[in-house]
Amino acid sequence: AGLSKWLSLTGTGVWNFGVGSVKEVYPEWWGIDGTADEVEINKAIQSFERDGIVQLQPKTYNIAAVISMNKSSIYLKGTGKSLLASVSGTIIKKSGDGYDAIYTTALECRLSDFTVDGNSKTDDGITMLSSNHCIYENISIHNIGGTGWGIIVDNSGVNQFRSININESANGLYINVLSTNPRTGILLKVSSKGSLVMVPMIFSTVQLFSARNFGKVLTV
């Protein structure tokens, strides 16, 4: 099918591929046009019951609302991140205020190889809510404005973070884990938006720089 539009739906219809029938899909199949590209990305995510790859291209996707990762075992995959949004690769760029770039509520999902450009807009880069056993890898989060955070981890655990960069943003990383039995991981203190918590997380090669509010991180 290439990268041309060939899927057309009306109303609230959703195109569903059977489990295992298609390995990966491209948002371009639904007609990416450079405006409100989250619509087609979300349709691509929803097309899987589970176990599929949504493959993004080396270009900028402009989003006017949130990308919702609410299907388990889905892989949102770009072609590479950059520390500066101006450098080529896969870029997810916000065009307005009042929404996060990516909101994850899924289990066992994976996101990798792209840049989130907040475009100096408010709200957050990536938010996880009750999202467990996911992998976030090779992601750059850039230019989050207002009081927004690069990454928010809210009541989510046993997630892995590998090679994450948050730069030129209002705030860096915020973790709020609600657990009666917190286990080993990272001891994190955030100065203005949280307290000392023990987090069941795995962090590898995480970099925070050029942000105004990092807090204090102690590895255990």
C-alpha atoms as a PDB file:
ATOM      1  CA  ALA A   1       0.000   0.000   0.000  1.00  0.00           C
ATOM      2  CA  GLY A   2       2.989   2.329   0.336  1.00  0.00           C
ATOM      3  CA  LEU A   3       2.469   5.581   2.219  1.00  0.00           C
ATOM      4  CA  SER A   4      -0.550   6.832   0.247  1.00  0.00           C
ATOM      5  CA  LYS A   5      -4.011   7.170   1.739  1.00  0.00           C
ATOM      6  CA  TRP A   6      -6.108   4.110   1.059  1.00  0.00           C
ATOM      7  CA  LEU A   7      -8.284   3.772   4.164  1.00  0.00           C
ATOM      8  CA  SER A   8     -11.437   5.887   4.352  1.00  0.00           C
ATOM      9  CA  LEU A   9     -13.935   5.882   7.185  1.00  0.00           C
ATOM     10  CA  THR A  10     -16.975   7.988   7.985  1.00  0.00           C
ATOM     11  CA  GLY A  11     -18.469   8.953  11.317  1.00  0.00           C
ATOM     12  CA  THR A  12     -16.845   7.271  14.304  1.00  0.00           C
ATOM     13  CA  GLY A  13     -15.925   4.104  12.417  1.00  0.00           C
ATOM     14  CA  VAL A  14     -12.629   2.406  13.217  1.00  0.00           C
ATOM     15  CA  TRP A  15     -10.672   0.148  10.903  1.00  0.00           C
ATOM     16  CA  ASN A  16      -9.655  -3.000  12.780  1.00  0.00           C
ATOM     17  CA  PHE A  17      -6.970  -5.434  11.689  1.00  0.00           C
ATOM     18  CA  GLY A  18      -7.247  -8.933  13.120  1.00  0.00           C
ATOM     19  CA  VAL A  19      -4.625 -10.007  15.632  1.00  0.00           C
ATOM     20  CA  GLY A  20      -1.517 -11.046  13.706  1.00  0.00           C
ATOM     21  CA  SER A  21      -2.920 -10.133  10.282  1.00  0.00           C
ATOM     22  CA  VAL A  22      -0.805  -6.971   9.928  1.00  0.00           C
ATOM     23  CA  LYS A  23       2.527  -6.373  11.645  1.00  0.00           C
ATOM     24  CA  GLU A  24       2.785  -2.607  11.173  1.00  0.00           C
ATOM     25  CA  VAL A  25       0.701   0.285   9.906  1.00  0.00           C
ATOM     26  CA  TYR A  26       1.437   3.848   8.834  1.00  0.00           C
ATOM     27  CA  PRO A  27      -0.687   6.882   9.799  1.00  0.00           C
ATOM     28  CA  GLU A  28      -0.284   8.008   6.186  1.00  0.00           C
ATOM     29  CA  TRP A  29      -2.732   5.255   5.210  1.00  0.00           C
ATOM     30  CA  TRP A  30      -5.433   7.392   6.850  1.00  0.00           C
ATOM     31  CA  GLY A  31      -4.323  10.589   5.076  1.00  0.00           C
ATOM     32  CA  ILE A  32      -1.729  12.620   7.022  1.00  0.00           C
ATOM     33  CA  ASP A  33      -1.797  16.233   5.767  1.00  0.00           C
ATOM     34  CA  GLY A  34       0.378  18.139   8.254  1.00  0.00           C
ATOM     35  CA  THR A  35      -2.541  19.521  10.293  1.00  0.00           C
ATOM     36  CA  ALA A  36      -4.162  17.731  13.241  1.00  0.00           C
ATOM     37  CA  ASP A  37      -2.033  14.683  12.459  1.00  0.00           C
ATOM     38  CA  GLU A  38      -2.990  13.146  15.801  1.00  0.00           C
ATOM     39  CA  VAL A  39      -6.296  12.128  14.184  1.00  0.00           C
ATOM     40  CA  GLU A  40      -4.594   9.742  11.782  1.00  0.00           C
ATOM     41  CA  ILE A  41      -2.025   8.582  14.344  1.00  0.00           C
ATOM     42  CA  ASN A  42      -4.811   7.712  16.779  1.00  0.00           C
ATOM     43  CA  LYS A  43      -6.710   5.850  14.057  1.00  0.00           C
ATOM     44  CA  ALA A  44      -3.570   3.851  13.356  1.00  0.00           C
ATOM     45  CA  ILE A  45      -3.219   2.981  17.050  1.00  0.00           C
ATOM     46  CA  GLN A  46      -6.887   1.974  17.262  1.00  0.00           C
ATOM     47  CA  SER A  47      -6.615  -0.263  14.200  1.00  0.00           C
ATOM     48  CA  PHE A  48      -4.855  -2.929  16.270  1.00  0.00           C
ATOM     49  CA  GLU A  49      -6.488  -5.101  18.857  1.00  0.00           C
ATOM     50  CA  ARG A  50      -3.003  -5.536  20.304  1.00  0.00           C
ATOM     51  CA  ASP A  51       0.544  -6.438  19.234  1.00  0.00           C
ATOM     52  CA  GLY A  52       1.253  -4.014  16.400  1.00  0.00           C
ATOM     53  CA  ILE A  53       3.685  -1.313  15.273  1.00  0.00           C
ATOM     54  CA  VAL A  54       2.596   2.210  14.319  1.00  0.00           C
ATOM     55  CA  GLN A  55       5.517   3.339  12.178  1.00  0.00           C
ATOM     56  CA  LEU A  56       6.128   7.090  11.910  1.00  0.00           C
ATOM     57  CA  GLN A  57       8.185   8.661   9.146  1.00  0.00           C
ATOM     58  CA  PRO A  58      11.247  11.003   9.282  1.00  0.00           C
ATOM     59  CA  LYS A  59       9.213  14.201   9.195  1.00  0.00           C
ATOM     60  CA  THR A  60       7.207  16.539  11.443  1.00  0.00           C
ATOM     61  CA  TYR A  61       3.734  15.516  12.596  1.00  0.00           C
ATOM     62  CA  ASN A  62       1.769  18.560  13.751  1.00  0.00           C
ATOM     63  CA  ILE A  63      -0.757  17.706  16.459  1.00  0.00           C
ATOM     64  CA  ALA A  64      -3.698  19.835  17.573  1.00  0.00           C
ATOM     65  CA  ALA A  65      -4.804  17.382  20.289  1.00  0.00           C
ATOM     66  CA  VAL A  66      -3.374  14.498  22.268  1.00  0.00           C
ATOM     67  CA  ILE A  67      -2.004  11.236  20.874  1.00  0.00           C
ATOM     68  CA  SER A  68      -3.700   8.579  22.978  1.00  0.00           C
ATOM     69  CA  MET A  69      -1.753   5.384  23.660  1.00  0.00           C
ATOM     70  CA  ASN A  70      -4.651   3.416  25.144  1.00  0.00           C
ATOM     71  CA  LYS A  71      -4.127   0.036  23.480  1.00  0.00           C
ATOM     72  CA  SER A  72      -1.878  -2.511  25.154  1.00  0.00           C
ATOM     73  CA  SER A  73       1.153  -4.020  23.434  1.00  0.00           C
ATOM     74  CA  ILE A  74       1.324  -1.299  20.752  1.00  0.00           C
ATOM     75  CA  TYR A  75       4.665   0.116  19.585  1.00  0.00           C
ATOM     76  CA  LEU A  76       4.755   3.775  18.491  1.00  0.00           C
ATOM     77  CA  LYS A  77       8.005   3.908  16.556  1.00  0.00           C
ATOM     78  CA  GLY A  78       9.800   6.792  14.877  1.00  0.00           C
ATOM     79  CA  THR A  79      12.982   6.898  12.832  1.00  0.00           C
ATOM     80  CA  GLY A  80      15.211   8.763  15.284  1.00  0.00           C
ATOM     81  CA  LYS A  81      15.294  11.526  17.882  1.00  0.00           C
ATOM     82  CA  SER A  82      17.313  14.728  18.041  1.00  0.00           C
ATOM     83  CA  LEU A  83      18.319  17.056  20.862  1.00  0.00           C
ATOM     84  CA  LEU A  84      17.089  19.965  18.758  1.00  0.00           C
ATOM     85  CA  ALA A  85      13.706  19.809  17.064  1.00  0.00           C
ATOM     86  CA  SER A  86      15.206  21.453  13.990  1.00  0.00           C
ATOM     87  CA  VAL A  87      17.340  18.391  13.249  1.00  0.00           C
ATOM     88  CA  SER A  88      15.833  15.774  10.937  1.00  0.00           C
ATOM     89  CA  GLY A  89      14.117  12.712  12.348  1.00  0.00           C
ATOM     90  CA  THR A  90      10.604  11.965  13.521  1.00  0.00           C
ATOM     91  CA  ILE A  91       9.146  15.014  15.278  1.00  0.00           C
ATOM     92  CA  ILE A  92       5.777  15.236  17.031  1.00  0.00           C
ATOM     93  CA  LYS A  93       5.053  18.958  17.330  1.00  0.00           C
ATOM     94  CA  LYS A  94       2.284  20.599  19.330  1.00  0.00           C
ATOM     95  CA  SER A  95       0.365  23.393  17.634  1.00  0.00           C
ATOM     96  CA  GLY A  96      -1.744  24.551  20.594  1.00  0.00           C
ATOM     97  CA  ASP A  97      -2.266  24.655  24.352  1.00  0.00           C
ATOM     98  CA  GLY A  98      -4.431  22.613  26.692  1.00  0.00           C
ATOM     99  CA  TYR A  99      -3.314  19.052  25.910  1.00  0.00           C
ATOM    100  CA  ASP A 100      -0.358  16.730  26.400  1.00  0.00           C
ATOM    101  CA  ALA A 101       1.512  15.572  23.326  1.00  0.00           C
ATOM    102  CA  ILE A 102       1.208  11.882  24.261  1.00  0.00           C
ATOM    103  CA  TYR A 103      -1.008  10.370  26.959  1.00  0.00           C
ATOM    104  CA  THR A 104      -0.394   6.722  27.841  1.00  0.00           C
ATOM    105  CA  THR A 105      -2.808   4.494  29.764  1.00  0.00           C
ATOM    106  CA  ALA A 106      -1.805   1.217  28.103  1.00  0.00           C
ATOM    107  CA  LEU A 107       0.024  -1.826  29.418  1.00  0.00           C
ATOM    108  CA  GLU A 108       3.141  -3.320  27.830  1.00  0.00           C
ATOM    109  CA  CYS A 109       3.417  -0.586  25.213  1.00  0.00           C
ATOM    110  CA  ARG A 110       6.591   0.793  23.663  1.00  0.00           C
ATOM    111  CA  LEU A 111       7.512   4.260  22.378  1.00  0.00           C
ATOM    112  CA  SER A 112      10.843   5.025  20.733  1.00  0.00           C
ATOM    113  CA  ASP A 113      12.935   7.030  18.308  1.00  0.00           C
ATOM    114  CA  PHE A 114      11.258  10.421  18.032  1.00  0.00           C
ATOM    115  CA  THR A 115      11.326  13.992  19.313  1.00  0.00           C
ATOM    116  CA  VAL A 116       8.426  15.709  21.063  1.00  0.00           C
ATOM    117  CA  ASP A 117       8.515  19.444  20.323  1.00  0.00           C
ATOM    118  CA  GLY A 118       6.305  21.309  22.796  1.00  0.00           C
ATOM    119  CA  ASN A 119       6.549  24.440  20.635  1.00  0.00           C
ATOM    120  CA  SER A 120       6.583  26.529  23.864  1.00  0.00           C
ATOM    121  CA  LYS A 121       2.967  25.480  24.506  1.00  0.00           C
ATOM    122  CA  THR A 122       1.609  24.558  27.951  1.00  0.00           C
ATOM    123  CA  ASP A 123       0.884  21.104  29.350  1.00  0.00           C
ATOM    124  CA  ASP A 124       3.184  18.109  29.198  1.00  0.00           C
ATOM    125  CA  GLY A 125       5.268  16.138  26.738  1.00  0.00           C
ATOM    126  CA  ILE A 126       4.468  12.561  27.753  1.00  0.00           C
ATOM    127  CA  THR A 127       2.087  11.616  30.571  1.00  0.00           C
ATOM    128  CA  MET A 128       1.636   8.078  31.899  1.00  0.00           C
ATOM    129  CA  LEU A 129      -1.411   7.253  34.027  1.00  0.00           C
ATOM    130  CA  SER A 130      -1.821   3.735  35.399  1.00  0.00           C
ATOM    131  CA  SER A 131       0.436   2.557  32.592  1.00  0.00           C
ATOM    132  CA  ASN A 132       2.686  -0.351  33.507  1.00  0.00           C
ATOM    133  CA  HIS A 133       5.401  -2.525  31.943  1.00  0.00           C
ATOM    134  CA  CYS A 134       6.117  -0.106  29.090  1.00  0.00           C
ATOM    135  CA  ILE A 135       9.408   0.863  27.438  1.00  0.00           C
ATOM    136  CA  TYR A 136      10.366   4.440  26.500  1.00  0.00           C
ATOM    137  CA  GLU A 137      13.562   4.569  24.489  1.00  0.00           C
ATOM    138  CA  ASN A 138      15.599   7.054  22.483  1.00  0.00           C
ATOM    139  CA  ILE A 139      13.186   9.965  22.920  1.00  0.00           C
ATOM    140  CA  SER A 140      13.958  13.690  23.048  1.00  0.00           C
ATOM    141  CA  ILE A 141      11.459  16.096  24.641  1.00  0.00           C
ATOM    142  CA  HIS A 142      12.048  19.695  23.708  1.00  0.00           C
ATOM    143  CA  ASN A 143      10.601  23.129  24.401  1.00  0.00           C
ATOM    144  CA  ILE A 144       7.773  22.397  26.850  1.00  0.00           C
ATOM    145  CA  GLY A 145       6.337  25.751  27.932  1.00  0.00           C
ATOM    146  CA  GLY A 146       4.244  27.205  30.739  1.00  0.00           C
ATOM    147  CA  THR A 147       4.238  24.983  33.816  1.00  0.00           C
ATOM    148  CA  GLY A 148       4.444  21.813  31.732  1.00  0.00           C
ATOM    149  CA  TRP A 149       6.664  18.809  32.426  1.00  0.00           C
ATOM    150  CA  GLY A 150       8.737  16.824  29.986  1.00  0.00           C
ATOM    151  CA  ILE A 151       7.530  13.525  31.445  1.00  0.00           C
ATOM    152  CA  ILE A 152       4.895  12.801  34.087  1.00  0.00           C
ATOM    153  CA  VAL A 153       4.719   9.307  35.570  1.00  0.00           C
ATOM    154  CA  ASP A 154       1.488   9.081  37.585  1.00  0.00           C
ATOM    155  CA  ASN A 155       0.577   5.885  39.438  1.00  0.00           C
ATOM    156  CA  SER A 156       2.529   3.834  36.898  1.00  0.00           C
ATOM    157  CA  GLY A 157       5.253   1.302  37.573  1.00  0.00           C
ATOM    158  CA  VAL A 158       7.744  -1.220  36.235  1.00  0.00           C
ATOM    159  CA  ASN A 159       8.396   0.987  33.195  1.00  0.00           C
ATOM    160  CA  GLN A 160      11.798   1.290  31.535  1.00  0.00           C
ATOM    161  CA  PHE A 161      13.364   4.562  30.366  1.00  0.00           C
ATOM    162  CA  ARG A 162      16.420   4.379  28.097  1.00  0.00           C
ATOM    163  CA  SER A 163      18.249   7.284  26.488  1.00  0.00           C
ATOM    164  CA  ILE A 164      15.740  10.031  27.301  1.00  0.00           C
ATOM    165  CA  ASN A 165      16.618  13.706  26.786  1.00  0.00           C
ATOM    166  CA  ILE A 166      14.558  16.601  28.184  1.00  0.00           C
ATOM    167  CA  ASN A 167      15.902  20.001  27.184  1.00  0.00           C
ATOM    168  CA  GLU A 168      14.841  23.644  26.957  1.00  0.00           C
ATOM    169  CA  SER A 169      11.672  22.881  28.907  1.00  0.00           C
ATOM    170  CA  ALA A 170       9.874  24.431  31.870  1.00  0.00           C
ATOM    171  CA  ASN A 171      10.237  21.305  34.011  1.00  0.00           C
ATOM    172  CA  GLY A 172      11.930  17.933  33.662  1.00  0.00           C
ATOM    173  CA  LEU A 173      10.660  14.697  35.213  1.00  0.00           C
ATOM    174  CA  TYR A 174       7.776  14.277  37.673  1.00  0.00           C
ATOM    175  CA  ILE A 175       7.062  10.935  39.321  1.00  0.00           C
ATOM    176  CA  ASN A 176       4.077  10.274  41.548  1.00  0.00           C
ATOM    177  CA  VAL A 177       3.687   6.603  42.396  1.00  0.00           C
ATOM    178  CA  LEU A 178       0.832   5.443  44.595  1.00  0.00           C
ATOM    179  CA  SER A 179       1.809   2.104  46.067  1.00  0.00           C
ATOM    180  CA  THR A 180       1.419   0.333  49.394  1.00  0.00           C
ATOM    181  CA  ASN A 181       4.501  -1.746  48.652  1.00  0.00           C
ATOM    182  CA  PRO A 182       7.039   0.300  46.675  1.00  0.00           C
ATOM    183  CA  ARG A 183      10.062  -1.703  45.622  1.00  0.00           C
ATOM    184  CA  THR A 184      13.558  -1.043  44.371  1.00  0.00           C
ATOM    185  CA  GLY A 185      14.201   1.526  41.709  1.00  0.00           C
ATOM    186  CA  ILE A 186      14.989   5.241  41.912  1.00  0.00           C
ATOM    187  CA  LEU A 187      14.646   7.496  44.898  1.00  0.00           C
ATOM    188  CA  LEU A 188      13.394  10.819  43.557  1.00  0.00           C
ATOM    189  CA  LYS A 189      12.677  14.088  45.298  1.00  0.00           C
ATOM    190  CA  VAL A 190      10.897  16.792  43.315  1.00  0.00           C
ATOM    191  CA  SER A 191      11.151  20.208  44.905  1.00  0.00           C
ATOM    192  CA  SER A 192       7.744  21.682  44.058  1.00  0.00           C
ATOM    193  CA  LYS A 193       5.493  18.947  42.710  1.00  0.00           C
ATOM    194  CA  GLY A 194       5.952  15.882  44.833  1.00  0.00           C
ATOM    195  CA  SER A 195       7.651  14.264  47.782  1.00  0.00           C
ATOM    196  CA  LEU A 196      10.254  11.616  48.434  1.00  0.00           C
ATOM    197  CA  VAL A 197       9.091   8.370  46.849  1.00  0.00           C
ATOM    198  CA  MET A 198      10.547   4.987  46.065  1.00  0.00           C
ATOM    199  CA  VAL A 199       9.730   4.171  42.480  1.00  0.00           C
ATOM    200  CA  PRO A 200       9.666   0.735  40.801  1.00  0.00           C
ATOM    201  CA  MET A 201      11.323   1.992  37.619  1.00  0.00           C
ATOM    202  CA  ILE A 202      14.375   1.234  35.514  1.00  0.00           C
ATOM    203  CA  PHE A 203      16.246   4.272  34.162  1.00  0.00           C
ATOM    204  CA  SER A 204      19.167   3.988  31.761  1.00  0.00           C
ATOM    205  CA  THR A 205      20.956   6.971  30.207  1.00  0.00           C
ATOM    206  CA  VAL A 206      18.457   9.618  31.252  1.00  0.00           C
ATOM    207  CA  GLN A 207      19.593  13.209  30.723  1.00  0.00           C
ATOM    208  CA  LEU A 208      17.945  16.369  32.056  1.00  0.00           C
ATOM    209  CA  PHE A 209      19.368  19.741  31.134  1.00  0.00           C
ATOM    210  CA  SER A 210      18.288  23.337  30.446  1.00  0.00           C
ATOM    211  CA  ALA A 211      15.146  22.893  32.537  1.00  0.00           C
ATOM    212  CA  ARG A 212      14.280  25.066  35.523  1.00  0.00           C
ATOM    213  CA  ASN A 213      12.975  22.396  37.903  1.00  0.00           C
ATOM    214  CA  PHE A 214      14.813  19.090  38.116  1.00  0.00           C
ATOM    215  CA  GLY A 215      14.525  18.079  41.752  1.00  0.00           C
ATOM    216  CA  LYS A 216      17.079  15.687  43.224  1.00  0.00           C
ATOM    217  CA  VAL A 217      17.664  12.159  41.978  1.00  0.00           C
ATOM    218  CA  LEU A 218      19.420   9.506  44.052  1.00  0.00           C
ATOM    219  CA  THR A 219      20.029   6.026  42.619  1.00  0.00           C
ATOM    220  CA  VAL A 220      19.641   3.092  44.976  1.00  0.00           C
END
